[in-house]
Amino acid sequence: MQRSRGNRNTYAKIEARRAKAVKFMNEGMTKTELAEQLRISRATLWRDLASLRERYKSENSEEFEAYRKAQLGILEQIEGSIVQGIVSPDFANAWRQVRSDIDRRAHV
């Protein structure tokens, strides 16, 4: 006998939930707030966000690749500045954390 795996939703319900998640993310909600608002577990939210990221990558591959290359270029500039002594490693780490926070807010 196979064990049931929680609440099974239809594809339409899952897509509707993901659309709401995108709307709420654009309003600036945190992941915790999203999970609470959508009444889903954090694990379900992470799966939904991963699915949305993958869909974005495949549907907007050129745009996503351009974004990724731009981010890599910025990180390489920071690395060069650290090596040259233009900025301190502490400053670079703080900046990288800010960029990481922005990327999380943008859900990239």
C-alpha atoms as a PDB file:
ATOM      1  CA  MET A   1       0.000   0.000   0.000  1.00  0.00           C
ATOM      2  CA  GLN A   2       1.378   3.390  -1.009  1.00  0.00           C
ATOM      3  CA  ARG A   3       1.464   6.171   1.509  1.00  0.00           C
ATOM      4  CA  SER A   4      -0.370   9.430   0.732  1.00  0.00           C
ATOM      5  CA  ARG A   5       1.771  12.549   0.324  1.00  0.00           C
ATOM      6  CA  GLY A   6      -0.083  15.418   1.921  1.00  0.00           C
ATOM      7  CA  ASN A   7      -2.512  17.717   0.196  1.00  0.00           C
ATOM      8  CA  ARG A   8      -2.591  17.129  -3.552  1.00  0.00           C
ATOM      9  CA  ASN A   9      -3.395  20.187  -5.621  1.00  0.00           C
ATOM     10  CA  THR A  10      -4.333  20.392  -9.247  1.00  0.00           C
ATOM     11  CA  TYR A  11      -1.963  21.985 -11.719  1.00  0.00           C
ATOM     12  CA  ALA A  12      -4.357  24.938 -12.023  1.00  0.00           C
ATOM     13  CA  LYS A  13      -4.344  25.522  -8.258  1.00  0.00           C
ATOM     14  CA  ILE A  14      -0.557  25.330  -8.121  1.00  0.00           C
ATOM     15  CA  GLU A  15      -0.212  27.810 -10.992  1.00  0.00           C
ATOM     16  CA  ALA A  16      -2.730  30.170  -9.371  1.00  0.00           C
ATOM     17  CA  ARG A  17      -0.751  30.006  -6.110  1.00  0.00           C
ATOM     18  CA  ARG A  18       2.493  30.710  -7.971  1.00  0.00           C
ATOM     19  CA  ALA A  19       0.893  33.687  -9.726  1.00  0.00           C
ATOM     20  CA  LYS A  20      -0.141  35.066  -6.322  1.00  0.00           C
ATOM     21  CA  ALA A  21       3.402  34.490  -5.059  1.00  0.00           C
ATOM     22  CA  VAL A  22       4.802  36.569  -7.942  1.00  0.00           C
ATOM     23  CA  LYS A  23       2.291  39.339  -7.210  1.00  0.00           C
ATOM     24  CA  PHE A  24       3.194  39.372  -3.524  1.00  0.00           C
ATOM     25  CA  MET A  25       6.943  39.245  -4.271  1.00  0.00           C
ATOM     26  CA  ASN A  26       6.538  42.300  -6.494  1.00  0.00           C
ATOM     27  CA  GLU A  27       4.906  44.022  -3.528  1.00  0.00           C
ATOM     28  CA  GLY A  28       8.061  43.304  -1.504  1.00  0.00           C
ATOM     29  CA  MET A  29       6.873  40.534   0.788  1.00  0.00           C
ATOM     30  CA  THR A  30       9.500  38.385   2.466  1.00  0.00           C
ATOM     31  CA  LYS A  31       9.487  34.629   1.973  1.00  0.00           C
ATOM     32  CA  THR A  32       8.110  34.135   5.469  1.00  0.00           C
ATOM     33  CA  GLU A  33       5.287  36.574   4.744  1.00  0.00           C
ATOM     34  CA  LEU A  34       4.614  34.835   1.421  1.00  0.00           C
ATOM     35  CA  ALA A  35       4.286  31.429   3.054  1.00  0.00           C
ATOM     36  CA  GLU A  36       1.948  32.824   5.689  1.00  0.00           C
ATOM     37  CA  GLN A  37      -0.170  34.751   3.179  1.00  0.00           C
ATOM     38  CA  LEU A  38      -0.464  31.759   0.839  1.00  0.00           C
ATOM     39  CA  ARG A  39      -0.976  29.383   3.790  1.00  0.00           C
ATOM     40  CA  ILE A  40       1.711  26.993   2.609  1.00  0.00           C
ATOM     41  CA  SER A  41       4.802  25.531   4.199  1.00  0.00           C
ATOM     42  CA  ARG A  42       8.215  27.067   3.595  1.00  0.00           C
ATOM     43  CA  ALA A  43       9.197  23.873   1.756  1.00  0.00           C
ATOM     44  CA  THR A  44       6.287  24.294  -0.659  1.00  0.00           C
ATOM     45  CA  LEU A  45       7.191  27.934  -1.138  1.00  0.00           C
ATOM     46  CA  TRP A  46      10.814  27.034  -1.925  1.00  0.00           C
ATOM     47  CA  ARG A  47       9.626  24.467  -4.488  1.00  0.00           C
ATOM     48  CA  ASP A  48       7.325  27.051  -6.066  1.00  0.00           C
ATOM     49  CA  LEU A  49      10.086  29.666  -6.212  1.00  0.00           C
ATOM     50  CA  ALA A  50      12.536  27.166  -7.699  1.00  0.00           C
ATOM     51  CA  SER A  51       9.979  26.265 -10.357  1.00  0.00           C
ATOM     52  CA  LEU A  52       9.364  29.931 -11.157  1.00  0.00           C
ATOM     53  CA  ARG A  53      13.119  30.587 -11.437  1.00  0.00           C
ATOM     54  CA  GLU A  54      13.574  27.650 -13.798  1.00  0.00           C
ATOM     55  CA  ARG A  55      10.625  28.775 -15.891  1.00  0.00           C
ATOM     56  CA  TYR A  56      12.017  32.304 -16.067  1.00  0.00           C
ATOM     57  CA  LYS A  57      15.417  30.986 -17.111  1.00  0.00           C
ATOM     58  CA  SER A  58      13.960  28.862 -19.892  1.00  0.00           C
ATOM     59  CA  GLU A  59      11.443  31.458 -21.130  1.00  0.00           C
ATOM     60  CA  ASN A  60      13.864  34.387 -20.913  1.00  0.00           C
ATOM     61  CA  SER A  61      17.173  32.648 -21.423  1.00  0.00           C
ATOM     62  CA  GLU A  62      18.863  35.545 -23.267  1.00  0.00           C
ATOM     63  CA  GLU A  63      17.739  38.098 -20.694  1.00  0.00           C
ATOM     64  CA  PHE A  64      18.705  35.824 -17.804  1.00  0.00           C
ATOM     65  CA  GLU A  65      22.129  35.108 -19.326  1.00  0.00           C
ATOM     66  CA  ALA A  66      22.748  38.842 -19.843  1.00  0.00           C
ATOM     67  CA  TYR A  67      21.830  39.479 -16.195  1.00  0.00           C
ATOM     68  CA  ARG A  68      24.101  36.665 -15.023  1.00  0.00           C
ATOM     69  CA  LYS A  69      27.019  37.966 -17.105  1.00  0.00           C
ATOM     70  CA  ALA A  70      26.509  41.503 -15.782  1.00  0.00           C
ATOM     71  CA  GLN A  71      26.555  40.222 -12.196  1.00  0.00           C
ATOM     72  CA  LEU A  72      29.704  38.213 -12.887  1.00  0.00           C
ATOM     73  CA  GLY A  73      31.351  41.315 -14.382  1.00  0.00           C
ATOM     74  CA  ILE A  74      30.557  43.325 -11.260  1.00  0.00           C
ATOM     75  CA  LEU A  75      31.995  40.613  -9.003  1.00  0.00           C
ATOM     76  CA  GLU A  76      35.157  40.520 -11.125  1.00  0.00           C
ATOM     77  CA  GLN A  77      35.511  44.312 -10.812  1.00  0.00           C
ATOM     78  CA  ILE A  78      35.193  44.052  -7.044  1.00  0.00           C
ATOM     79  CA  GLU A  79      37.768  41.275  -6.980  1.00  0.00           C
ATOM     80  CA  GLY A  80      40.172  43.449  -8.985  1.00  0.00           C
ATOM     81  CA  SER A  81      39.589  46.374  -6.628  1.00  0.00           C
ATOM     82  CA  ILE A  82      40.369  44.178  -3.621  1.00  0.00           C
ATOM     83  CA  VAL A  83      43.553  42.854  -5.235  1.00  0.00           C
ATOM     84  CA  GLN A  84      44.663  46.390  -6.103  1.00  0.00           C
ATOM     85  CA  GLY A  85      43.876  47.603  -2.586  1.00  0.00           C
ATOM     86  CA  ILE A  86      41.277  50.108  -3.820  1.00  0.00           C
ATOM     87  CA  VAL A  87      38.597  48.719  -1.503  1.00  0.00           C
ATOM     88  CA  SER A  88      38.921  46.693   1.655  1.00  0.00           C
ATOM     89  CA  PRO A  89      37.714  43.094   1.782  1.00  0.00           C
ATOM     90  CA  ASP A  90      35.263  44.104   4.537  1.00  0.00           C
ATOM     91  CA  PHE A  91      33.705  46.756   2.296  1.00  0.00           C
ATOM     92  CA  ALA A  92      33.502  44.277  -0.601  1.00  0.00           C
ATOM     93  CA  ASN A  93      31.831  41.677   1.626  1.00  0.00           C
ATOM     94  CA  ALA A  94      29.317  44.235   2.852  1.00  0.00           C
ATOM     95  CA  TRP A  95      28.544  45.270  -0.711  1.00  0.00           C
ATOM     96  CA  ARG A  96      28.200  41.643  -1.807  1.00  0.00           C
ATOM     97  CA  GLN A  97      25.710  41.055   1.018  1.00  0.00           C
ATOM     98  CA  VAL A  98      23.668  44.056  -0.112  1.00  0.00           C
ATOM     99  CA  ARG A  99      23.628  42.711  -3.698  1.00  0.00           C
ATOM    100  CA  SER A 100      22.625  39.298  -2.395  1.00  0.00           C
ATOM    101  CA  ASP A 101      19.737  40.861  -0.483  1.00  0.00           C
ATOM    102  CA  ILE A 102      18.645  42.733  -3.603  1.00  0.00           C
ATOM    103  CA  ASP A 103      18.793  39.555  -5.661  1.00  0.00           C
ATOM    104  CA  ARG A 104      16.716  37.715  -3.061  1.00  0.00           C
ATOM    105  CA  ARG A 105      14.162  40.532  -3.117  1.00  0.00           C
ATOM    106  CA  ALA A 106      14.141  40.294  -6.913  1.00  0.00           C
ATOM    107  CA  HIS A 107      13.960  36.490  -6.506  1.00  0.00           C
ATOM    108  CA  VAL A 108      16.692  35.813  -9.005  1.00  0.00           C
END
